[in-house]
């Protein structure tokens, strides 16, 4: 017996609706994942220097594979010339 995608969705919905404990477990797991996502945004913020709120917004807008801009630091004391050791 082949089950279509829409039939599978309907079966899953029926199973979730029939078991309140399963629904509660799924809701609890989903809230833990959301909390973990926020924690990772703050960790990313600490590493990259980008604002955690903007990281979360850009992920919602562009997806999880959004790349952060590369930051280049310039040493103001560096003239760009190499020293001659002679």
N, C-alpha and C. Protein backbone atom coordinates (compact mmCIF):
# COMPACT_ATOMS: atom_id res chain seq x y z
N UNK A 1 0.84 -1.19 0.00
CA UNK A 1 0.00 0.00 0.00
C UNK A 1 0.88 1.24 0.00
N UNK A 2 0.65 2.11 -0.93
CA UNK A 2 1.41 3.34 -1.03
C UNK A 2 0.61 4.46 -0.35
N UNK A 3 1.30 5.24 0.48
CA UNK A 3 0.67 6.34 1.20
C UNK A 3 1.18 7.65 0.62
N UNK A 4 0.26 8.53 0.26
CA UNK A 4 0.65 9.83 -0.28
C UNK A 4 1.06 10.77 0.85
N UNK A 5 1.69 11.84 0.48
CA UNK A 5 2.14 12.82 1.46
C UNK A 5 0.96 13.39 2.26
N UNK A 6 -0.12 13.71 1.57
CA UNK A 6 -1.29 14.28 2.25
C UNK A 6 -1.94 13.25 3.18
N UNK A 7 -1.95 11.98 2.78
CA UNK A 7 -2.49 10.94 3.65
C UNK A 7 -1.62 10.77 4.89
N UNK A 8 -0.31 10.82 4.71
CA UNK A 8 0.61 10.69 5.84
C UNK A 8 0.42 11.85 6.82
N UNK A 9 0.27 13.06 6.29
CA UNK A 9 0.01 14.21 7.16
C UNK A 9 -1.27 14.03 7.96
N UNK A 10 -2.30 13.52 7.31
CA UNK A 10 -3.58 13.31 7.98
C UNK A 10 -3.45 12.25 9.08
N UNK A 11 -2.73 11.18 8.82
CA UNK A 11 -2.51 10.13 9.82
C UNK A 11 -1.77 10.69 11.03
N UNK A 12 -0.74 11.49 10.77
CA UNK A 12 0.04 12.08 11.87
C UNK A 12 -0.83 13.02 12.69
N UNK A 13 -1.63 13.85 12.03
CA UNK A 13 -2.53 14.77 12.74
C UNK A 13 -3.51 14.00 13.62
N UNK A 14 -4.05 12.92 13.10
CA UNK A 14 -5.00 12.11 13.87
C UNK A 14 -4.33 11.48 15.08
N UNK A 15 -3.11 10.98 14.91
CA UNK A 15 -2.39 10.36 16.03
C UNK A 15 -2.06 11.37 17.12
N UNK A 16 -1.66 12.56 16.71
CA UNK A 16 -1.34 13.61 17.68
C UNK A 16 -2.60 14.04 18.42
N UNK A 17 -3.70 14.21 17.70
CA UNK A 17 -4.95 14.63 18.32
C UNK A 17 -5.49 13.57 19.27
N UNK A 18 -5.25 12.29 18.98
CA UNK A 18 -5.78 11.20 19.79
C UNK A 18 -5.00 10.99 21.09
N UNK A 19 -3.79 11.49 21.17
CA UNK A 19 -2.95 11.24 22.35
C UNK A 19 -2.48 12.57 22.94
N UNK A 20 -3.13 13.06 24.01
CA UNK A 20 -2.74 14.33 24.62
C UNK A 20 -1.31 14.31 25.18
N UNK A 21 -0.87 13.17 25.66
CA UNK A 21 0.50 13.07 26.19
C UNK A 21 1.53 13.27 25.08
N UNK A 22 1.23 12.72 23.90
CA UNK A 22 2.12 12.89 22.76
C UNK A 22 2.16 14.36 22.35
N UNK A 23 1.00 15.00 22.31
CA UNK A 23 0.93 16.43 21.96
C UNK A 23 1.73 17.26 22.96
N UNK A 24 1.58 16.95 24.23
CA UNK A 24 2.31 17.67 25.27
C UNK A 24 3.82 17.48 25.12
N UNK A 25 4.24 16.26 24.82
CA UNK A 25 5.67 15.98 24.64
C UNK A 25 6.22 16.73 23.43
N UNK A 26 5.46 16.78 22.35
CA UNK A 26 5.89 17.50 21.14
C UNK A 26 6.00 19.00 21.43
N UNK A 27 5.01 19.56 22.14
CA UNK A 27 5.03 20.98 22.49
C UNK A 27 6.23 21.30 23.38
N UNK A 28 6.50 20.42 24.35
CA UNK A 28 7.63 20.61 25.26
C UNK A 28 8.95 20.57 24.50
N UNK A 29 9.08 19.62 23.61
CA UNK A 29 10.30 19.49 22.80
C UNK A 29 10.48 20.71 21.90
N UNK A 30 9.40 21.18 21.30
CA UNK A 30 9.48 22.35 20.42
C UNK A 30 9.93 23.59 21.18
N UNK A 31 9.44 23.76 22.41
CA UNK A 31 9.85 24.93 23.20
C UNK A 31 11.32 24.84 23.60
N UNK A 32 11.80 23.62 23.86
CA UNK A 32 13.22 23.43 24.19
C UNK A 32 14.10 23.76 22.98
N UNK A 33 13.66 23.38 21.79
CA UNK A 33 14.42 23.67 20.57
C UNK A 33 14.47 25.17 20.33
N UNK A 34 13.35 25.87 20.55
CA UNK A 34 13.33 27.33 20.39
C UNK A 34 14.28 27.98 21.37
N UNK A 35 14.30 27.49 22.60
CA UNK A 35 15.19 28.03 23.62
C UNK A 35 16.66 27.79 23.24
N UNK A 36 16.94 26.62 22.72
CA UNK A 36 18.30 26.29 22.29
C UNK A 36 18.73 27.19 21.14
N UNK A 37 17.82 27.46 20.22
CA UNK A 37 18.11 28.32 19.08
C UNK A 37 18.50 29.72 19.54
N UNK A 38 17.77 30.25 20.52
CA UNK A 38 18.08 31.58 21.05
C UNK A 38 19.45 31.56 21.72
N UNK A 39 19.75 30.49 22.46
CA UNK A 39 21.06 30.39 23.12
C UNK A 39 22.19 30.35 22.10
N UNK A 40 21.98 29.65 21.01
CA UNK A 40 23.01 29.58 19.96
C UNK A 40 23.18 30.94 19.30
N UNK A 41 22.08 31.69 19.14
CA UNK A 41 22.19 33.05 18.59
C UNK A 41 23.06 33.92 19.48
N UNK A 42 22.91 33.81 20.80
CA UNK A 42 23.75 34.60 21.71
C UNK A 42 25.20 34.15 21.67
N UNK A 43 25.43 32.85 21.55
CA UNK A 43 26.79 32.34 21.43
C UNK A 43 27.43 32.85 20.14
N UNK A 44 26.68 32.80 19.05
CA UNK A 44 27.17 33.32 17.77
C UNK A 44 27.48 34.80 17.87
N UNK A 45 26.64 35.52 18.58
CA UNK A 45 26.84 36.95 18.78
C UNK A 45 28.15 37.22 19.52
N UNK A 46 28.42 36.43 20.54
CA UNK A 46 29.65 36.61 21.31
C UNK A 46 30.89 36.36 20.45
N UNK A 47 30.79 35.42 19.53
CA UNK A 47 31.94 35.08 18.69
C UNK A 47 32.13 36.08 17.55
N UNK A 48 31.04 36.46 16.89
CA UNK A 48 31.15 37.30 15.70
C UNK A 48 31.08 38.79 15.99
N UNK A 49 30.51 39.16 17.14
CA UNK A 49 30.35 40.57 17.44
C UNK A 49 29.07 41.16 16.87
N UNK A 50 28.32 40.36 16.14
CA UNK A 50 27.04 40.81 15.57
C UNK A 50 25.96 40.72 16.65
N UNK A 51 24.95 41.57 16.56
CA UNK A 51 23.87 41.60 17.53
C UNK A 51 23.05 40.31 17.47
N UNK A 52 22.77 39.70 18.65
CA UNK A 52 22.02 38.44 18.69
C UNK A 52 20.62 38.59 18.09
N UNK A 53 19.98 39.73 18.33
CA UNK A 53 18.64 39.96 17.79
C UNK A 53 18.67 39.98 16.27
N UNK A 54 19.67 40.65 15.70
CA UNK A 54 19.75 40.72 14.23
C UNK A 54 20.11 39.36 13.64
N UNK A 55 20.85 38.54 14.37
CA UNK A 55 21.15 37.19 13.91
C UNK A 55 19.86 36.39 13.79
N UNK A 56 19.02 36.47 14.84
CA UNK A 56 17.75 35.77 14.81
C UNK A 56 16.85 36.25 13.70
N UNK A 57 16.79 37.56 13.50
CA UNK A 57 15.95 38.11 12.43
C UNK A 57 16.43 37.68 11.05
N UNK A 58 17.74 37.74 10.83
CA UNK A 58 18.26 37.38 9.51
C UNK A 58 18.07 35.90 9.23
N UNK A 59 18.14 35.06 10.28
CA UNK A 59 17.89 33.64 10.08
C UNK A 59 16.44 33.39 9.71
N UNK A 60 15.53 34.13 10.34
CA UNK A 60 14.12 33.96 9.99
C UNK A 60 13.85 34.44 8.57
N UNK A 61 14.56 35.48 8.14
CA UNK A 61 14.34 36.04 6.81
C UNK A 61 15.00 35.22 5.71
N UNK A 62 16.23 34.74 5.97
CA UNK A 62 16.99 34.08 4.91
C UNK A 62 17.27 32.61 5.15
N UNK A 63 16.88 32.10 6.30
CA UNK A 63 17.11 30.68 6.59
C UNK A 63 18.33 30.47 7.46
N UNK A 64 18.52 29.25 7.88
CA UNK A 64 19.59 28.90 8.81
C UNK A 64 20.98 28.95 8.18
N UNK A 65 21.07 28.89 6.89
CA UNK A 65 22.38 28.87 6.24
C UNK A 65 22.88 30.27 5.91
N UNK A 66 22.26 31.27 6.51
CA UNK A 66 22.66 32.66 6.28
C UNK A 66 24.10 32.83 6.76
N UNK A 67 24.92 33.49 5.97
CA UNK A 67 26.31 33.70 6.35
C UNK A 67 26.47 35.09 6.94
N UNK A 68 27.38 35.19 7.87
CA UNK A 68 27.65 36.49 8.47
C UNK A 68 28.72 37.20 7.67
N UNK A 69 28.69 38.50 7.66
CA UNK A 69 29.71 39.23 6.92
C UNK A 69 31.08 39.02 7.55
N UNK A 70 32.09 38.96 6.74
CA UNK A 70 33.45 38.81 7.22
C UNK A 70 33.95 40.15 7.72
N UNK A 71 34.50 40.13 8.93
CA UNK A 71 35.03 41.37 9.49
C UNK A 71 36.54 41.40 9.32
N UNK A 72 37.01 42.51 8.85
CA UNK A 72 38.45 42.69 8.66
C UNK A 72 38.89 43.78 9.61
N UNK A 73 39.90 43.46 10.42
CA UNK A 73 40.43 44.48 11.31
C UNK A 73 41.73 45.01 10.73
N UNK A 74 41.91 46.29 10.83
CA UNK A 74 43.09 46.94 10.29
C UNK A 74 43.88 47.52 11.45
N UNK A 75 45.14 47.17 11.50
CA UNK A 75 46.02 47.71 12.52
C UNK A 75 46.44 49.11 12.07
N UNK A 76 46.07 50.13 12.83
CA UNK A 76 46.36 51.51 12.45
C UNK A 76 47.86 51.81 12.47
N UNK A 77 48.62 51.02 13.21
CA UNK A 77 50.07 51.24 13.29
C UNK A 77 50.82 50.58 12.14
N UNK A 78 50.13 49.76 11.37
CA UNK A 78 50.77 49.03 10.27
C UNK A 78 50.72 49.91 9.02
N UNK A 79 51.89 50.22 8.48
CA UNK A 79 51.96 51.08 7.29
C UNK A 79 51.80 50.28 6.01
N UNK A 80 51.80 48.94 6.13
CA UNK A 80 51.65 48.11 4.96
C UNK A 80 52.98 47.75 4.34
N UNK A 81 54.07 48.35 4.82
CA UNK A 81 55.39 48.07 4.29
C UNK A 81 56.05 46.99 5.13
N UNK A 82 56.86 46.18 4.51
CA UNK A 82 57.59 45.14 5.24
C UNK A 82 58.93 45.73 5.67
N UNK A 83 59.39 45.27 6.82
CA UNK A 83 60.66 45.77 7.34
C UNK A 83 61.80 44.99 6.71
N UNK A 84 62.88 45.68 6.41
CA UNK A 84 64.08 45.06 5.88
C UNK A 84 64.98 44.73 7.07
N UNK A 85 65.39 43.49 7.19
CA UNK A 85 66.16 43.09 8.34
C UNK A 85 67.64 43.39 8.17
N UNK A 86 68.09 43.97 7.13
CA UNK A 86 69.53 44.30 6.92
C UNK A 86 69.92 45.52 7.65
